[in-house]
Protein backbone atom coordinates (compact mmCIF):
# COMPACT_ATOMS: atom_id res chain seq x y z
CA UNK A 1 -41.04 -2.89 -113.48
CA UNK A 2 -43.65 -3.31 -110.89
CA UNK A 3 -42.10 -6.44 -109.80
CA UNK A 4 -38.80 -4.42 -109.22
CA UNK A 5 -40.51 -1.87 -107.40
CA UNK A 6 -42.07 -4.42 -105.10
CA UNK A 7 -38.76 -5.80 -104.42
CA UNK A 8 -37.09 -2.55 -103.61
CA UNK A 9 -40.05 -1.85 -101.23
CA UNK A 10 -39.49 -5.16 -99.50
CA UNK A 11 -35.81 -4.71 -99.23
CA UNK A 12 -36.39 -1.22 -97.85
CA UNK A 13 -38.78 -2.57 -95.26
CA UNK A 14 -36.48 -5.28 -94.29
CA UNK A 15 -33.59 -2.67 -93.83
CA UNK A 16 -35.85 -0.52 -91.83
CA UNK A 17 -37.04 -3.36 -89.71
CA UNK A 18 -33.32 -4.25 -88.65
CA UNK A 19 -32.65 -0.48 -87.91
CA UNK A 20 -35.86 -0.24 -85.79
CA UNK A 21 -35.03 -3.47 -83.89
CA UNK A 22 -31.32 -2.21 -83.42
CA UNK A 23 -32.66 1.18 -82.05
CA UNK A 24 -35.18 -0.61 -79.78
CA UNK A 25 -32.23 -2.82 -78.61
CA UNK A 26 -30.13 0.25 -77.93
CA UNK A 27 -33.08 1.93 -76.09
CA UNK A 28 -33.38 -1.15 -73.92
CA UNK A 29 -29.66 -1.24 -73.04
CA UNK A 30 -29.92 2.49 -72.06
CA UNK A 31 -32.74 1.75 -69.90
CA UNK A 32 -30.96 -1.09 -68.50
CA UNK A 33 -27.90 1.13 -67.84
CA UNK A 34 -30.06 3.66 -66.02
CA UNK A 35 -31.57 1.19 -63.98
CA UNK A 36 -28.17 -0.13 -62.87
CA UNK A 37 -26.93 3.40 -62.32
CA UNK A 38 -29.79 4.08 -60.01
CA UNK A 39 -29.18 0.89 -58.12
CA UNK A 40 -25.58 1.65 -57.86
CA UNK A 41 -26.37 5.10 -56.77
CA UNK A 42 -28.65 3.78 -54.02
CA UNK A 43 -26.04 1.25 -52.90
CA UNK A 44 -23.45 4.07 -52.78
CA UNK A 45 -25.55 6.13 -50.60
CA UNK A 46 -26.28 3.22 -48.41
CA UNK A 47 -22.69 2.51 -48.19
CA UNK A 48 -21.77 6.06 -47.33
CA UNK A 49 -24.56 6.09 -44.54
CA UNK A 50 -22.88 2.78 -43.09
CA UNK A 51 -19.31 4.33 -43.45
CA UNK A 52 -20.64 7.35 -41.43
CA UNK A 53 -22.26 4.99 -38.87
CA UNK A 54 -18.98 3.09 -38.64
CA UNK A 55 -17.00 6.19 -38.18
CA UNK A 56 -19.35 7.32 -35.33
CA UNK A 57 -18.96 3.89 -33.84
CA UNK A 58 -15.24 3.92 -34.17
CA UNK A 59 -14.99 7.40 -32.65
CA UNK A 60 -17.29 6.02 -29.71
CA UNK A 61 -14.81 3.13 -29.23
CA UNK A 62 -11.85 5.35 -29.25
CA UNK A 63 -13.41 7.45 -26.56
CA UNK A 64 -14.35 4.24 -24.48
CA UNK A 65 -10.75 3.15 -24.94
CA UNK A 66 -9.28 6.35 -23.85
CA UNK A 67 -11.76 6.46 -20.73
CA UNK A 68 -10.70 2.87 -20.02
CA UNK A 69 -6.95 3.73 -20.20
CA UNK A 70 -7.50 6.90 -18.05
CA UNK A 71 -9.37 4.71 -15.46
CA UNK A 72 -6.61 2.01 -15.52
CA UNK A 73 -3.97 4.73 -14.97
CA UNK A 74 -5.89 6.28 -12.12
CA UNK A 75 -6.53 2.77 -10.71
CA UNK A 76 -2.64 2.19 -10.72
CA UNK A 77 -2.03 5.61 -9.18
CA UNK A 78 -4.54 4.86 -6.47
CA UNK A 79 -2.89 1.43 -5.76
CA UNK A 80 0.55 3.04 -5.56
CA UNK A 81 -0.77 5.66 -3.17
CA UNK A 82 -2.57 2.85 -1.01
CA UNK A 83 0.75 0.85 -1.10
CA UNK A 84 2.92 4.13 0.01
CA UNK A 85 0.36 4.78 2.94
CA UNK A 86 0.37 1.15 4.07
CA UNK A 87 4.34 1.23 3.99
CA UNK A 88 4.21 4.56 5.80
CA UNK A 89 1.72 3.16 8.36
CA UNK A 90 4.06 0.18 8.98
CA UNK A 91 7.05 2.49 9.29
CA UNK A 92 5.20 4.32 12.06
CA UNK A 93 4.04 1.39 13.73
CA UNK A 94 7.64 -0.02 13.87
CA UNK A 95 8.94 3.52 15.10
CA UNK A 96 6.10 3.48 17.87
CA UNK A 97 7.20 -0.14 18.96
CA UNK A 98 10.77 0.92 19.01
CA UNK A 99 10.12 3.99 21.23
CA UNK A 100 7.93 1.85 23.45
CA UNK A 101 10.87 -0.61 24.04
CA UNK A 102 13.10 2.34 24.74
CA UNK A 103 10.77 3.88 27.02
CA UNK A 104 11.64 3.78 30.70
CA UNK A 105 8.51 2.39 32.46
CA UNK A 106 8.12 2.64 36.21
CA UNK A 107 7.63 -0.81 37.37
CA UNK A 108 6.07 -1.70 40.72
CA UNK A 109 7.88 -4.25 42.88
CA UNK A 110 5.99 -7.32 44.18
CA UNK A 111 4.82 -7.25 47.82
CA UNK A 112 5.01 -10.36 50.00
CA UNK A 113 2.00 -11.13 52.22
CA UNK A 114 2.59 -13.32 55.27
CA UNK A 115 -0.42 -14.17 57.49
CA UNK A 116 -2.40 -11.26 56.51
CA UNK A 117 0.42 -8.93 57.51
CA UNK A 118 1.85 -6.30 55.26
CA UNK A 119 5.49 -6.72 54.70
CA UNK A 120 7.29 -3.42 53.59
CA UNK A 121 10.63 -3.90 51.88
CA UNK A 122 11.92 -0.58 52.84
CA UNK A 123 11.22 1.42 56.01
CA UNK A 124 10.38 5.02 55.66
CA UNK A 125 12.37 5.99 58.55
CA UNK A 126 15.47 4.66 56.96
CA UNK A 127 15.23 7.18 54.29
CA UNK A 128 17.26 9.89 56.04
CA UNK A 129 19.47 12.26 54.18
CA UNK A 130 23.15 12.02 55.19
CA UNK A 131 24.40 15.33 56.75
CA UNK A 132 28.00 14.41 56.04
CA UNK A 133 28.94 16.26 52.82
CA UNK A 134 32.41 15.90 51.89
CA UNK A 135 32.17 18.25 48.99
CA UNK A 136 32.40 22.04 49.45
CA UNK A 137 29.03 23.95 49.88
CA UNK A 138 27.87 25.26 46.48
CA UNK A 139 25.13 27.64 45.68
CA UNK A 140 22.07 25.87 44.24
CA UNK A 141 19.68 27.36 41.71
CA UNK A 142 16.50 28.52 43.08
CA UNK A 143 14.53 25.49 41.67
CA UNK A 144 16.75 22.96 43.32
CA UNK A 145 16.49 24.43 46.65
CA UNK A 146 14.73 22.38 49.27
CA UNK A 147 11.97 23.80 51.61
CA UNK A 148 14.09 23.05 54.74
CA UNK A 149 16.23 20.37 56.57
CA UNK A 150 13.43 18.23 57.67
CA UNK A 151 14.22 14.78 56.45
CA UNK A 152 11.08 13.02 57.49
CA UNK A 153 8.98 11.34 54.98
CA UNK A 154 5.51 12.86 54.00
CA UNK A 155 2.45 11.31 52.24
CA UNK A 156 1.20 12.93 49.18
CA UNK A 157 -1.51 12.45 46.77
CA UNK A 158 -1.82 13.33 43.19
CA UNK A 159 -4.16 16.28 42.49
CA UNK A 160 -4.88 15.58 38.78
CA UNK A 161 -3.47 13.18 36.12
CA UNK A 162 0.18 14.13 36.24
CA UNK A 163 3.45 13.34 34.40
CA UNK A 164 6.42 11.55 36.21
CA UNK A 165 9.97 12.57 35.31
CA UNK A 166 13.24 10.95 35.69
CA UNK A 167 14.72 13.89 37.37
CA UNK A 168 14.28 17.64 38.03
CA UNK A 169 13.44 19.19 34.53
CA UNK A 170 14.06 15.61 33.36
CA UNK A 171 12.32 13.42 30.70
CA UNK A 172 8.81 12.16 31.26
CA UNK A 173 8.70 8.51 31.99
CA UNK A 174 5.21 7.90 33.16
CA UNK A 175 1.69 9.30 33.77
CA UNK A 176 0.08 8.77 37.18
CA UNK A 177 -3.84 8.85 37.80
CA UNK A 178 -5.50 11.30 40.03
CA UNK A 179 -5.52 10.32 43.69
CA UNK A 180 -2.49 8.09 43.43
CA UNK A 181 -0.62 8.25 46.89
CA UNK A 182 3.15 8.35 47.27
CA UNK A 183 5.61 9.19 49.89
CA UNK A 184 8.74 11.57 49.82
CA UNK A 185 11.50 12.87 52.12
CA UNK A 186 13.03 15.20 49.57
CA UNK A 187 11.62 18.09 47.69
CA UNK A 188 12.31 21.48 46.16
CA UNK A 189 10.11 24.44 45.69
CA UNK A 190 9.09 23.11 42.28
CA UNK A 191 9.62 19.37 42.50
CA UNK A 192 8.94 16.37 44.80
CA UNK A 193 11.03 13.36 44.77
CA UNK A 194 9.16 10.02 44.90
CA UNK A 195 10.67 7.63 47.39
CA UNK A 196 7.69 5.23 47.50
CA UNK A 197 4.23 4.81 46.37
CA UNK A 198 1.08 2.67 47.17
CA UNK A 199 -0.41 -0.05 45.17
CA UNK A 200 -3.73 -1.35 46.48
CA UNK A 201 -2.96 0.18 49.91
CA UNK A 202 0.44 -1.44 50.02
CA UNK A 203 3.69 0.74 50.09
CA UNK A 204 6.50 0.10 47.99
CA UNK A 205 9.98 1.76 47.72
CA UNK A 206 10.78 3.30 44.49
CA UNK A 207 13.30 1.48 42.51
CA UNK A 208 14.05 4.44 40.25
CA UNK A 209 14.90 8.07 40.56
CA UNK A 210 11.36 9.64 39.70
CA UNK A 211 10.08 13.07 40.46
CA UNK A 212 6.66 15.04 40.30
CA UNK A 213 6.01 18.68 39.96
CA UNK A 214 4.87 20.13 43.32
CA UNK A 215 1.80 21.81 41.57
CA UNK A 216 0.55 18.40 40.78
CA UNK A 217 0.64 17.10 44.34
CA UNK A 218 -0.84 17.61 47.67
CA UNK A 219 0.60 16.91 51.12
CA UNK A 220 -1.72 14.61 53.18
CA UNK A 221 -2.16 15.34 56.74
CA UNK A 222 -0.50 12.79 59.25
């Protein structure tokens, strides 16, 4: 009987020992799972932080990309504006050159010098207005009337920088400097016809029909 009781106690002890070992094993597994859970949670938090940082970095990159795109577009616009202005300048230069070619320029004739004597191509005394008028007498406008019938040539001097025209109320063809000397035997109340002019104290007959306003010239005393 005692032996049976001892055997039962031994069996019970062995059974409890297995149960205790199993419980300890379960507790150990739970502890390990908790530890893994904490580690995973930490990793998750770290990954979330990194994700936020990546999002911020991505946002910054997008902003930089937009700024670069805007800068590129503005640069392209500036280039187009510069190209347009350059083309406009070229067009204006071509227009100016064309106008200069079409502009009537008063050219001076060459003078011949022989043995230190001045040779004048056209004599002033020969510039006499013809009295023979085959056309009927017409009434002239006030600005075209001459001061008188005197056909003698007079010397004049430009009072100030003045414009030269191709006729009475005509188109400006040149600009003369102050003190430029010239001659004329025909004038109206408002205009003087330039029949000759002086270049380096040498007189030359005018090869073109050119006029100056009376207010811009002063008659020189003989």
